[in-house]
Each structure stands twice: as C-alpha cells, then as structure tokens.
Amino acid sequence: MANSLRDPRYRAVVARLIQLRKTAGLNQRELAERLGRTQSYVAKYELHERRLDIIQLLEILDAVEADAVAFLKESAQAWKRANKAKR
C-alpha cells in the first residue's frame, strides 16, 4: 500500500484536481473559500505537501462541481493502465 506523497498515482489524482479547479474557473483562494479553508490548504495539497483523505477529496470534487463517481472511475482505470504498462 502506498503511503508516499511522491507516489505517481497520488500525483496523478492531484494533477486531475488542479485541472478540475482550473476548468471550473477557480483560483486557489476561490476554491478555499468554497471549502471553508485557507488558500494555503489548497496550495499544500496541490504542491504535494499534505495528503488528502477520502472525505476531503469528496469535498473538493463537490466544490468544483465534479462527479465523484466519474472521477474515481477514471482514476481507477488510469491506475490499472499504469500497472499493466509496468509489467
């Protein structure tokens, strides 16, 4: 089980969150306001300085108006493809 912020799978999830934030037309401060958090909270997970748990992930997806089920499906499929490519 991965526990590193440097894990490529985790970095891919964060990259997708950044993409979704930008697609929603939000900067870090605006997203933080929607989350009831500080801008540094958003910056820290986007810079891989803090790890998100599932509840935080779902809150972020809700704040950017993204479909959580679709996000998780896409992430799982990307993970499977990456694992197959390693073999």
C-alpha atoms as a PDB file:
ATOM      1  CA  MET A   1       0.000   0.000   0.000  1.00  0.00           C
ATOM      2  CA  ALA A   2       1.378   3.385  -0.990  1.00  0.00           C
ATOM      3  CA  ASN A   3       1.912   5.949   1.715  1.00  0.00           C
ATOM      4  CA  SER A   4       4.096   8.449  -0.072  1.00  0.00           C
ATOM      5  CA  LEU A   5       3.128  11.844  -1.377  1.00  0.00           C
ATOM      6  CA  ARG A   6       5.598  11.095  -4.164  1.00  0.00           C
ATOM      7  CA  ASP A   7       3.622   8.109  -5.431  1.00  0.00           C
ATOM      8  CA  PRO A   8       2.891   8.736  -9.134  1.00  0.00           C
ATOM      9  CA  ARG A   9      -0.707   7.583  -8.685  1.00  0.00           C
ATOM     10  CA  TYR A  10      -1.311  10.158  -5.965  1.00  0.00           C
ATOM     11  CA  ARG A  11       0.357  12.856  -8.046  1.00  0.00           C
ATOM     12  CA  ALA A  12      -1.952  11.970 -10.953  1.00  0.00           C
ATOM     13  CA  VAL A  13      -5.005  12.404  -8.709  1.00  0.00           C
ATOM     14  CA  VAL A  14      -3.772  15.813  -7.561  1.00  0.00           C
ATOM     15  CA  ALA A  15      -2.994  16.848 -11.145  1.00  0.00           C
ATOM     16  CA  ARG A  16      -6.578  15.980 -12.086  1.00  0.00           C
ATOM     17  CA  LEU A  17      -7.893  18.023  -9.133  1.00  0.00           C
ATOM     18  CA  ILE A  18      -5.847  21.005 -10.281  1.00  0.00           C
ATOM     19  CA  GLN A  19      -7.222  20.579 -13.803  1.00  0.00           C
ATOM     20  CA  LEU A  20     -10.787  20.432 -12.470  1.00  0.00           C
ATOM     21  CA  ARG A  21     -10.238  23.563 -10.363  1.00  0.00           C
ATOM     22  CA  LYS A  22      -8.938  25.459 -13.369  1.00  0.00           C
ATOM     23  CA  THR A  23     -11.727  24.155 -15.613  1.00  0.00           C
ATOM     24  CA  ALA A  24     -14.207  25.445 -13.029  1.00  0.00           C
ATOM     25  CA  GLY A  25     -12.565  28.866 -13.418  1.00  0.00           C
ATOM     26  CA  LEU A  26     -11.384  28.982  -9.824  1.00  0.00           C
ATOM     27  CA  ASN A  27      -8.088  30.073  -8.371  1.00  0.00           C
ATOM     28  CA  GLN A  28      -6.806  28.552  -5.135  1.00  0.00           C
ATOM     29  CA  ARG A  29      -8.292  31.308  -2.979  1.00  0.00           C
ATOM     30  CA  GLU A  30     -11.751  30.930  -4.521  1.00  0.00           C
ATOM     31  CA  LEU A  31     -11.703  27.161  -4.063  1.00  0.00           C
ATOM     32  CA  ALA A  32     -10.532  27.591  -0.478  1.00  0.00           C
ATOM     33  CA  GLU A  33     -13.478  29.909   0.180  1.00  0.00           C
ATOM     34  CA  ARG A  34     -15.902  27.301  -1.166  1.00  0.00           C
ATOM     35  CA  LEU A  35     -14.288  24.725   1.112  1.00  0.00           C
ATOM     36  CA  GLY A  36     -14.263  26.985   4.162  1.00  0.00           C
ATOM     37  CA  ARG A  37     -10.476  26.608   4.308  1.00  0.00           C
ATOM     38  CA  THR A  38      -7.444  28.789   3.760  1.00  0.00           C
ATOM     39  CA  GLN A  39      -5.676  29.245   0.439  1.00  0.00           C
ATOM     40  CA  SER A  40      -2.629  27.543   1.946  1.00  0.00           C
ATOM     41  CA  TYR A  41      -4.703  24.364   2.480  1.00  0.00           C
ATOM     42  CA  VAL A  42      -5.316  24.160  -1.270  1.00  0.00           C
ATOM     43  CA  ALA A  43      -1.723  25.088  -2.085  1.00  0.00           C
ATOM     44  CA  LYS A  44      -0.329  22.416   0.239  1.00  0.00           C
ATOM     45  CA  TYR A  45      -2.218  19.533  -1.306  1.00  0.00           C
ATOM     46  CA  GLU A  46      -1.608  20.847  -4.825  1.00  0.00           C
ATOM     47  CA  LEU A  47       2.135  21.017  -4.056  1.00  0.00           C
ATOM     48  CA  HIS A  48       2.069  17.502  -2.562  1.00  0.00           C
ATOM     49  CA  GLU A  49       2.871  18.803   0.926  1.00  0.00           C
ATOM     50  CA  ARG A  50      -0.249  17.299   2.501  1.00  0.00           C
ATOM     51  CA  ARG A  51      -2.232  14.204   1.700  1.00  0.00           C
ATOM     52  CA  LEU A  52      -5.989  14.217   1.250  1.00  0.00           C
ATOM     53  CA  ASP A  53      -8.304  11.683   2.793  1.00  0.00           C
ATOM     54  CA  ILE A  54     -11.450  10.454   1.037  1.00  0.00           C
ATOM     55  CA  ILE A  55     -13.744  12.948   2.799  1.00  0.00           C
ATOM     56  CA  GLN A  56     -11.543  15.868   1.785  1.00  0.00           C
ATOM     57  CA  LEU A  57     -11.366  14.544  -1.774  1.00  0.00           C
ATOM     58  CA  LEU A  58     -15.157  14.359  -1.961  1.00  0.00           C
ATOM     59  CA  GLU A  59     -15.470  17.894  -0.556  1.00  0.00           C
ATOM     60  CA  ILE A  60     -13.098  19.218  -3.209  1.00  0.00           C
ATOM     61  CA  LEU A  61     -14.905  17.405  -6.001  1.00  0.00           C
ATOM     62  CA  ASP A  62     -18.196  18.842  -4.758  1.00  0.00           C
ATOM     63  CA  ALA A  63     -16.712  22.342  -4.592  1.00  0.00           C
ATOM     64  CA  VAL A  64     -15.576  22.175  -8.229  1.00  0.00           C
ATOM     65  CA  GLU A  65     -18.895  20.569  -9.203  1.00  0.00           C
ATOM     66  CA  ALA A  66     -17.261  17.385 -10.471  1.00  0.00           C
ATOM     67  CA  ASP A  67     -18.895  13.967 -10.488  1.00  0.00           C
ATOM     68  CA  ALA A  68     -17.138  11.999  -7.736  1.00  0.00           C
ATOM     69  CA  VAL A  69     -18.089   8.604  -9.162  1.00  0.00           C
ATOM     70  CA  ALA A  70     -16.741   9.501 -12.598  1.00  0.00           C
ATOM     71  CA  PHE A  71     -13.560  10.917 -11.038  1.00  0.00           C
ATOM     72  CA  LEU A  72     -12.938   7.735  -9.060  1.00  0.00           C
ATOM     73  CA  LYS A  73     -13.687   5.516 -12.068  1.00  0.00           C
ATOM     74  CA  GLU A  74     -11.267   7.483 -14.241  1.00  0.00           C
ATOM     75  CA  SER A  75      -8.613   7.347 -11.510  1.00  0.00           C
ATOM     76  CA  ALA A  76      -9.040   3.595 -11.080  1.00  0.00           C
ATOM     77  CA  GLN A  77      -8.811   2.994 -14.828  1.00  0.00           C
ATOM     78  CA  ALA A  78      -5.673   5.123 -15.091  1.00  0.00           C
ATOM     79  CA  TRP A  79      -4.142   3.194 -12.189  1.00  0.00           C
ATOM     80  CA  LYS A  80      -4.900  -0.127 -13.886  1.00  0.00           C
ATOM     81  CA  ARG A  81      -3.387   1.073 -17.169  1.00  0.00           C
ATOM     82  CA  ALA A  82      -0.256   2.230 -15.366  1.00  0.00           C
ATOM     83  CA  ASN A  83       0.108  -1.129 -13.624  1.00  0.00           C
ATOM     84  CA  LYS A  84      -0.287  -3.032 -16.900  1.00  0.00           C
ATOM     85  CA  ALA A  85       2.351  -0.837 -18.528  1.00  0.00           C
ATOM     86  CA  LYS A  86       4.825  -1.726 -15.735  1.00  0.00           C
ATOM     87  CA  ARG A  87       4.571  -5.460 -16.497  1.00  0.00           C
END
